[in-house]
Protein backbone atom coordinates (compact mmCIF):
# COMPACT_ATOMS: atom_id res chain seq x y z
CA UNK A 1 -36.12 -23.95 32.08
CA UNK A 2 -33.18 -23.69 34.00
CA UNK A 3 -29.60 -21.53 33.65
CA UNK A 4 -26.93 -23.66 32.20
CA UNK A 5 -23.46 -23.71 32.41
CA UNK A 6 -20.89 -24.79 30.16
CA UNK A 7 -16.86 -25.07 30.42
CA UNK A 8 -15.31 -23.86 27.16
CA UNK A 9 -11.51 -25.13 26.62
CA UNK A 10 -9.39 -24.54 23.35
CA UNK A 11 -10.70 -28.49 22.69
CA UNK A 12 -11.12 -29.09 18.84
CA UNK A 13 -14.42 -29.02 17.57
CA UNK A 14 -15.85 -28.34 21.36
CA UNK A 15 -16.78 -24.79 20.60
CA UNK A 16 -19.28 -26.44 18.07
CA UNK A 17 -20.38 -28.52 20.92
CA UNK A 18 -21.11 -26.09 22.89
CA UNK A 19 -22.79 -24.22 20.81
CA UNK A 20 -25.10 -26.26 19.57
CA UNK A 21 -26.15 -27.35 23.35
CA UNK A 22 -26.83 -23.82 24.17
CA UNK A 23 -29.23 -23.25 20.89
CA UNK A 24 -30.95 -26.65 22.25
CA UNK A 25 -32.96 -25.40 24.78
CA UNK A 26 -34.55 -21.70 26.21
CA UNK A 27 -32.18 -21.74 29.18
CA UNK A 28 -32.83 -19.11 32.06
CA UNK A 29 -29.30 -17.80 31.53
CA UNK A 30 -26.55 -18.92 29.56
CA UNK A 31 -23.03 -19.20 32.30
CA UNK A 32 -19.59 -19.73 29.97
CA UNK A 33 -16.66 -21.06 32.19
CA UNK A 34 -13.67 -20.29 30.13
CA UNK A 35 -10.35 -18.35 30.24
CA UNK A 36 -9.25 -15.16 28.23
CA UNK A 37 -9.07 -17.43 24.94
CA UNK A 38 -12.48 -18.36 25.33
CA UNK A 39 -13.66 -14.76 25.27
CA UNK A 40 -13.68 -14.80 21.56
CA UNK A 41 -16.90 -17.70 22.16
CA UNK A 42 -20.30 -16.05 20.11
CA UNK A 43 -23.61 -17.87 20.08
CA UNK A 44 -27.11 -16.95 19.43
CA UNK A 45 -28.15 -16.21 22.83
CA UNK A 46 -26.75 -13.72 25.36
CA UNK A 47 -24.15 -15.27 27.36
CA UNK A 48 -22.98 -14.31 30.68
CA UNK A 49 -18.83 -15.44 30.82
CA UNK A 50 -16.90 -16.82 33.99
CA UNK A 51 -13.26 -15.90 33.29
CA UNK A 52 -11.30 -17.97 35.08
CA UNK A 53 -7.17 -18.06 34.66
CA UNK A 54 -5.49 -21.25 34.35
CA UNK A 55 -2.40 -20.43 36.05
CA UNK A 56 -5.10 -19.97 39.37
CA UNK A 57 -4.74 -22.67 42.15
CA UNK A 58 -7.72 -24.57 42.07
CA UNK A 59 -9.02 -22.75 45.47
CA UNK A 60 -8.40 -19.99 43.77
CA UNK A 61 -10.39 -21.00 40.68
CA UNK A 62 -13.47 -21.88 42.82
CA UNK A 63 -13.50 -18.57 44.60
CA UNK A 64 -13.37 -16.89 41.04
CA UNK A 65 -16.18 -19.25 39.87
CA UNK A 66 -18.02 -18.36 42.86
CA UNK A 67 -17.58 -14.77 43.17
CA UNK A 68 -18.74 -14.66 39.40
CA UNK A 69 -22.02 -16.63 39.86
CA UNK A 70 -22.93 -15.98 43.29
CA UNK A 71 -26.61 -13.89 43.46
CA UNK A 72 -27.05 -14.68 39.37
CA UNK A 73 -28.58 -17.60 39.52
CA UNK A 74 -32.39 -17.81 40.86
CA UNK A 75 -33.34 -21.32 40.72
CA UNK A 76 -31.81 -23.97 43.30
CA UNK A 77 -30.26 -26.35 40.38
CA UNK A 78 -28.01 -25.47 37.51
CA UNK A 79 -27.67 -27.68 33.88
CA UNK A 80 -24.09 -28.12 33.87
CA UNK A 81 -22.03 -30.01 30.78
CA UNK A 82 -18.37 -29.65 30.70
CA UNK A 83 -17.27 -31.62 27.09
CA UNK A 84 -14.92 -28.85 26.78
CA UNK A 85 -12.30 -27.17 29.26
CA UNK A 86 -9.94 -28.89 31.77
CA UNK A 87 -9.92 -31.49 34.36
CA UNK A 88 -9.13 -28.71 36.59
CA UNK A 89 -11.79 -26.16 35.24
CA UNK A 90 -14.60 -29.02 35.79
CA UNK A 91 -13.41 -29.74 39.17
CA UNK A 92 -13.14 -25.88 39.95
CA UNK A 93 -16.74 -25.17 38.84
CA UNK A 94 -18.67 -28.43 40.85
CA UNK A 95 -16.87 -27.12 43.96
CA UNK A 96 -17.96 -23.18 43.25
CA UNK A 97 -21.88 -24.53 42.39
CA UNK A 98 -21.87 -27.13 45.85
CA UNK A 99 -20.39 -23.66 47.51
CA UNK A 100 -23.40 -21.67 46.51
CA UNK A 101 -25.74 -24.73 47.57
CA UNK A 102 -26.90 -25.24 44.02
CA UNK A 103 -27.68 -29.07 42.78
CA UNK A 104 -26.55 -30.28 39.33
CA UNK A 105 -28.12 -31.84 36.15
CA UNK A 106 -25.55 -32.79 33.63
CA UNK A 107 -26.80 -32.46 30.58
CA UNK A 108 -25.15 -33.77 26.57
CA UNK A 109 -26.03 -33.27 23.36
CA UNK A 110 -27.51 -36.62 21.69
CA UNK A 111 -28.52 -37.06 18.13
CA UNK A 112 -31.88 -36.97 19.82
CA UNK A 113 -31.37 -33.65 20.89
CA UNK A 114 -30.09 -32.10 24.75
CA UNK A 115 -30.79 -35.10 27.41
CA UNK A 116 -29.90 -35.46 31.01
CA UNK A 117 -27.42 -38.08 32.00
């Protein structure tokens, strides 16, 4: 399988969604990009938290994510989901992944399970 990167914000019901997505596949690694609030998130698999501060400027957030992911993903692509989180966080994640030279596959939960979209 590949690594999953999921953003985690404070949206109502999105934590359960992210938990289902994490459980849906045998991911190599699961990275959860969140702020301090999300550090209490728990799942049935080992999680690697990538912590950002919402008050960071976008360029700073990109560098924060990039530094925390650099050297931790063995593959050339990642599965990416950002149903949860803010647009600013989503932009920072995509930018950091591209700067790391990684391809992305957008994934989502459907009634039939996890699907690439």
